[in-house]
Amino acid sequence: VQLQAFGGGLVQAGGSLRLSCAASETIFKLNSMGWYRQGPGKQRDLVATITSGGRTNYADSVKGRFTISRDNAKNTVYLQMNSLKPEDTAVYYCNLDGYSDPWSAVNFWGKGTLVTVSS
């Protein structure tokens, strides 16, 4: 499975961006899709995830500003980012977690898309 992320770019503080990530194929069982980010000199951290049932989870730092959603028919996950702050600057990575068959857990990462928020 390949994950292709789109939507990164440069935005001023207070602005908005929408990221999207499309999976190239469906898998046997999808647990969740989500977004992680890695800022300069930092580790990769969770931003938001959404399960196959639609349950969402957000990092405290983005609650109320970011919204994750999915289009199951398109195998695509979105991240709407509002009220962006300079500290949101990072490479954002898409993630897919699930099973390729009843016995094989899989976890895939996209290549990342850069989001830069200027002050």
Protein backbone atom coordinates (compact mmCIF):
# COMPACT_ATOMS: atom_id res chain seq x y z
CA VAL A 1 0.00 0.00 0.00
CA GLN A 2 1.29 3.45 -0.89
CA LEU A 3 0.11 6.59 0.85
CA GLN A 4 0.24 9.84 -1.08
CA ALA A 5 -0.13 13.03 0.92
CA PHE A 6 -1.10 16.41 -0.51
CA GLY A 7 -1.80 19.89 0.72
CA GLY A 8 1.25 21.11 2.56
CA GLY A 9 2.64 24.56 2.02
CA LEU A 10 3.40 27.95 3.51
CA VAL A 11 0.72 29.82 5.42
CA GLN A 12 0.62 32.75 7.80
CA ALA A 13 -0.23 32.29 11.44
CA GLY A 14 -3.98 32.16 11.88
CA GLY A 15 -4.49 30.68 8.46
CA SER A 16 -5.78 27.29 7.33
CA LEU A 17 -4.60 24.34 5.31
CA ARG A 18 -6.19 21.05 4.37
CA LEU A 19 -4.09 17.94 4.02
CA SER A 20 -5.27 14.84 2.22
CA CYS A 21 -3.83 11.35 2.03
CA ALA A 22 -4.96 8.67 -0.37
CA ALA A 23 -4.19 4.98 0.03
CA SER A 24 -3.42 3.17 -3.23
CA GLU A 25 -5.49 0.12 -2.31
CA THR A 26 -7.77 -1.30 0.30
CA ILE A 27 -6.54 -3.86 2.82
CA PHE A 28 -8.20 -6.80 4.54
CA LYS A 29 -9.00 -4.86 7.71
CA LEU A 30 -8.39 -1.20 8.36
CA ASN A 31 -7.93 -0.21 12.00
CA SER A 32 -7.18 3.45 11.59
CA MET A 33 -5.66 6.18 9.47
CA GLY A 34 -4.04 9.22 10.85
CA TRP A 35 -1.55 12.04 10.78
CA TYR A 36 1.71 12.45 12.65
CA ARG A 37 4.20 15.30 12.48
CA GLN A 38 7.86 15.89 13.04
CA GLY A 39 9.09 19.39 13.71
CA PRO A 40 12.70 20.53 13.33
CA GLY A 41 14.84 18.68 15.84
CA LYS A 42 11.87 16.88 17.31
CA GLN A 43 10.51 13.36 17.33
CA ARG A 44 7.52 12.27 15.31
CA ASP A 45 4.34 12.80 17.29
CA LEU A 46 0.68 11.98 16.91
CA VAL A 47 -1.55 14.70 15.49
CA ALA A 48 -4.84 12.89 14.94
CA THR A 49 -6.22 9.47 14.08
CA ILE A 50 -9.57 8.16 12.95
CA THR A 51 -10.69 4.54 13.23
CA SER A 52 -12.65 2.56 10.68
CA GLY A 53 -15.69 3.22 12.85
CA GLY A 54 -15.11 6.95 12.81
CA ARG A 55 -13.75 7.43 16.31
CA THR A 56 -11.23 10.26 16.44
CA ASN A 57 -8.28 11.03 18.66
CA TYR A 58 -6.33 14.29 18.77
CA ALA A 59 -3.17 15.58 20.34
CA ASP A 60 -4.00 18.13 23.03
CA SER A 61 -2.07 20.79 21.13
CA VAL A 62 -4.42 20.64 18.14
CA LYS A 63 -7.79 20.00 19.78
CA GLY A 64 -10.35 22.55 18.68
CA ARG A 65 -8.22 23.66 15.73
CA PHE A 66 -7.70 20.53 13.61
CA THR A 67 -10.32 18.12 12.31
CA ILE A 68 -9.62 14.68 10.87
CA SER A 69 -12.10 13.00 8.55
CA ARG A 70 -12.27 10.10 6.12
CA ASP A 71 -13.85 9.22 2.79
CA ASN A 72 -14.03 5.44 2.87
CA ALA A 73 -15.06 5.18 -0.77
CA LYS A 74 -11.89 7.02 -1.82
CA ASN A 75 -9.56 5.42 0.77
CA THR A 76 -8.66 8.97 1.74
CA VAL A 77 -8.11 10.74 5.04
CA TYR A 78 -8.16 14.50 5.48
CA LEU A 79 -6.80 16.89 8.05
CA GLN A 80 -8.39 20.33 8.19
CA MET A 81 -6.04 22.65 10.05
CA ASN A 82 -7.37 26.01 11.23
CA SER A 83 -5.90 28.76 13.39
CA LEU A 84 -2.43 27.57 12.52
CA LYS A 85 0.46 28.57 14.74
CA PRO A 86 4.20 28.74 14.02
CA GLU A 87 4.67 25.75 16.33
CA ASP A 88 2.57 23.68 13.92
CA THR A 89 5.44 23.91 11.45
CA ALA A 90 6.51 20.34 10.69
CA VAL A 91 6.58 17.57 8.16
CA TYR A 92 3.22 15.85 8.35
CA TYR A 93 3.09 12.12 7.74
CA CYS A 94 0.09 10.00 6.88
CA ASN A 95 -0.26 6.61 8.54
CA LEU A 96 -2.40 3.54 7.91
CA ASP A 97 -2.75 0.72 10.42
CA GLY A 98 -4.54 -2.57 9.90
CA TYR A 99 -4.28 -6.15 8.67
CA SER A 100 -3.37 -7.42 5.20
CA ASP A 101 -4.93 -10.79 6.08
CA PRO A 102 -6.44 -12.25 9.30
CA TRP A 103 -2.97 -12.92 10.75
CA SER A 104 -0.69 -10.16 9.43
CA ALA A 105 -0.66 -6.72 11.02
CA VAL A 106 0.60 -3.94 8.78
CA ASN A 107 1.50 -0.31 9.26
CA PHE A 108 2.28 2.05 6.40
CA TRP A 109 3.70 5.57 6.25
CA GLY A 110 3.50 8.20 3.56
CA LYS A 111 6.52 10.28 2.57
CA GLY A 112 5.35 13.40 4.34
CA THR A 113 4.29 16.86 3.36
CA LEU A 114 5.84 20.05 4.75
CA VAL A 115 3.67 22.59 6.51
CA THR A 116 5.33 25.91 7.32
CA VAL A 117 3.51 28.52 9.40
CA SER A 118 5.04 31.98 9.41
CA SER A 119 4.56 34.43 12.25
